[in-house]
Amino acid sequence: MHVVFINSAPGAPLPDLIEFNAGLLDVRFLAFELQAKGPLTAQFGVPEGTPGRCKISQTGLYMTHGKGVALEDNFPAEQIKLQLVGK
């Protein structure tokens, strides 16, 4: 996770990142990447328990001030990659 925000004052304690959901932080940039391995299910179209991996990447657009980005969605695009292990 990578977060850039303006703190309340020089030397102030670091806030709880949950506060950004409440609008209490002046967030300038927020991005995260997740990787996981585990068994896939039949819903993926493979036999139950087939080894798989997932990668999710998201980058928040907080600096646009509404220019082309819906204000209710600071994460208008994401990448989700789900695949069989070894492919």
C-alpha atoms as a PDB file:
ATOM      1  CA  MET A   1       0.000   0.000   0.000  1.00  0.00           C
ATOM      2  CA  HIS A   2       1.224   3.490  -0.858  1.00  0.00           C
ATOM      3  CA  VAL A   3      -0.501   6.505   0.721  1.00  0.00           C
ATOM      4  CA  VAL A   4       0.378  10.189   0.352  1.00  0.00           C
ATOM      5  CA  PHE A   5      -1.513  12.641   2.569  1.00  0.00           C
ATOM      6  CA  ILE A   6      -1.095  16.012   4.250  1.00  0.00           C
ATOM      7  CA  ASN A   7      -0.816  15.625   8.015  1.00  0.00           C
ATOM      8  CA  SER A   8      -2.550  18.052  10.390  1.00  0.00           C
ATOM      9  CA  ALA A   9       0.721  19.692  11.553  1.00  0.00           C
ATOM     10  CA  PRO A  10       4.497  19.181  11.404  1.00  0.00           C
ATOM     11  CA  GLY A  11       5.458  16.424  13.836  1.00  0.00           C
ATOM     12  CA  ALA A  12       1.838  15.389  14.431  1.00  0.00           C
ATOM     13  CA  PRO A  13       1.278  11.680  15.085  1.00  0.00           C
ATOM     14  CA  LEU A  14       0.427   9.535  12.087  1.00  0.00           C
ATOM     15  CA  PRO A  15      -3.340   9.032  11.859  1.00  0.00           C
ATOM     16  CA  ASP A  16      -5.194   5.754  11.587  1.00  0.00           C
ATOM     17  CA  LEU A  17      -5.656   5.096   7.858  1.00  0.00           C
ATOM     18  CA  ILE A  18      -9.293   4.158   8.499  1.00  0.00           C
ATOM     19  CA  GLU A  19      -9.841   7.915   8.907  1.00  0.00           C
ATOM     20  CA  PHE A  20      -9.464   8.480   5.170  1.00  0.00           C
ATOM     21  CA  ASN A  21     -12.880   6.820   4.615  1.00  0.00           C
ATOM     22  CA  ALA A  22     -14.469   9.365   6.922  1.00  0.00           C
ATOM     23  CA  GLY A  23     -12.895  12.246   4.986  1.00  0.00           C
ATOM     24  CA  LEU A  24     -10.673  13.193   7.929  1.00  0.00           C
ATOM     25  CA  LEU A  25      -7.398  12.925   5.973  1.00  0.00           C
ATOM     26  CA  ASP A  26      -6.221  15.157   3.142  1.00  0.00           C
ATOM     27  CA  VAL A  27      -5.356  12.206   0.869  1.00  0.00           C
ATOM     28  CA  ARG A  28      -3.371  13.003  -2.276  1.00  0.00           C
ATOM     29  CA  PHE A  29      -2.581   9.482  -3.513  1.00  0.00           C
ATOM     30  CA  LEU A  30      -3.654   5.977  -2.527  1.00  0.00           C
ATOM     31  CA  ALA A  31      -2.677   2.770  -4.275  1.00  0.00           C
ATOM     32  CA  PHE A  32      -2.431  -0.860  -3.327  1.00  0.00           C
ATOM     33  CA  GLU A  33      -1.447  -4.162  -4.844  1.00  0.00           C
ATOM     34  CA  LEU A  34      -2.510  -7.554  -3.567  1.00  0.00           C
ATOM     35  CA  GLN A  35      -1.243 -10.995  -4.538  1.00  0.00           C
ATOM     36  CA  ALA A  36      -2.661 -14.283  -3.289  1.00  0.00           C
ATOM     37  CA  LYS A  37      -2.409 -18.001  -4.041  1.00  0.00           C
ATOM     38  CA  GLY A  38      -4.999 -20.630  -3.299  1.00  0.00           C
ATOM     39  CA  PRO A  39      -7.425 -23.197  -4.660  1.00  0.00           C
ATOM     40  CA  LEU A  40      -9.824 -22.162  -7.418  1.00  0.00           C
ATOM     41  CA  THR A  41     -13.439 -23.306  -7.475  1.00  0.00           C
ATOM     42  CA  ALA A  42     -15.569 -24.932 -10.155  1.00  0.00           C
ATOM     43  CA  GLN A  43     -17.144 -21.494 -10.799  1.00  0.00           C
ATOM     44  CA  PHE A  44     -13.847 -20.528 -12.472  1.00  0.00           C
ATOM     45  CA  GLY A  45     -14.391 -23.376 -14.934  1.00  0.00           C
ATOM     46  CA  VAL A  46     -11.763 -25.734 -13.546  1.00  0.00           C
ATOM     47  CA  PRO A  47     -11.952 -28.758 -11.253  1.00  0.00           C
ATOM     48  CA  GLU A  48     -12.542 -27.792  -7.604  1.00  0.00           C
ATOM     49  CA  GLY A  49      -9.231 -27.175  -5.789  1.00  0.00           C
ATOM     50  CA  THR A  50      -7.132 -26.394  -8.885  1.00  0.00           C
ATOM     51  CA  PRO A  51      -4.161 -24.217  -7.798  1.00  0.00           C
ATOM     52  CA  GLY A  52      -4.549 -20.575  -8.777  1.00  0.00           C
ATOM     53  CA  ARG A  53      -3.326 -17.068  -8.102  1.00  0.00           C
ATOM     54  CA  CYS A  54      -4.895 -13.631  -8.000  1.00  0.00           C
ATOM     55  CA  LYS A  55      -3.354 -10.176  -8.429  1.00  0.00           C
ATOM     56  CA  ILE A  56      -5.320  -6.967  -7.810  1.00  0.00           C
ATOM     57  CA  SER A  57      -3.999  -3.435  -8.431  1.00  0.00           C
ATOM     58  CA  GLN A  58      -5.834  -0.170  -7.756  1.00  0.00           C
ATOM     59  CA  THR A  59      -4.753   3.456  -7.903  1.00  0.00           C
ATOM     60  CA  GLY A  60      -6.892   6.241  -6.482  1.00  0.00           C
ATOM     61  CA  LEU A  61      -7.281   9.500  -8.396  1.00  0.00           C
ATOM     62  CA  TYR A  62      -7.491  12.099  -5.639  1.00  0.00           C
ATOM     63  CA  MET A  63      -5.714  14.999  -7.329  1.00  0.00           C
ATOM     64  CA  THR A  64      -8.140  15.445 -10.253  1.00  0.00           C
ATOM     65  CA  HIS A  65     -10.687  17.613  -8.384  1.00  0.00           C
ATOM     66  CA  GLY A  66     -13.503  16.111 -10.446  1.00  0.00           C
ATOM     67  CA  LYS A  67     -11.888  16.700 -13.844  1.00  0.00           C
ATOM     68  CA  GLY A  68     -13.136  13.663 -15.752  1.00  0.00           C
ATOM     69  CA  VAL A  69     -13.529  11.461 -12.675  1.00  0.00           C
ATOM     70  CA  ALA A  70     -16.826  10.830 -10.932  1.00  0.00           C
ATOM     71  CA  LEU A  71     -16.443  12.252  -7.433  1.00  0.00           C
ATOM     72  CA  GLU A  72     -18.131   9.208  -5.899  1.00  0.00           C
ATOM     73  CA  ASP A  73     -15.479   6.886  -7.386  1.00  0.00           C
ATOM     74  CA  ASN A  74     -11.849   7.810  -6.790  1.00  0.00           C
ATOM     75  CA  PHE A  75     -10.914   4.340  -8.109  1.00  0.00           C
ATOM     76  CA  PRO A  76     -12.446   4.341 -11.609  1.00  0.00           C
ATOM     77  CA  ALA A  77     -10.187   1.572 -12.909  1.00  0.00           C
ATOM     78  CA  GLU A  78      -8.653  -1.521 -11.417  1.00  0.00           C
ATOM     79  CA  GLN A  79      -6.805  -4.537 -12.675  1.00  0.00           C
ATOM     80  CA  ILE A  80      -7.818  -7.982 -11.458  1.00  0.00           C
ATOM     81  CA  LYS A  81      -5.918 -10.964 -12.812  1.00  0.00           C
ATOM     82  CA  LEU A  82      -7.047 -14.469 -11.832  1.00  0.00           C
ATOM     83  CA  GLN A  83      -5.197 -17.413 -13.364  1.00  0.00           C
ATOM     84  CA  LEU A  84      -4.144 -21.013 -13.000  1.00  0.00           C
ATOM     85  CA  VAL A  85      -0.764 -21.549 -11.344  1.00  0.00           C
ATOM     86  CA  GLY A  86       1.806 -22.608 -13.926  1.00  0.00           C
ATOM     87  CA  LYS A  87       0.022 -20.959 -16.881  1.00  0.00           C
END
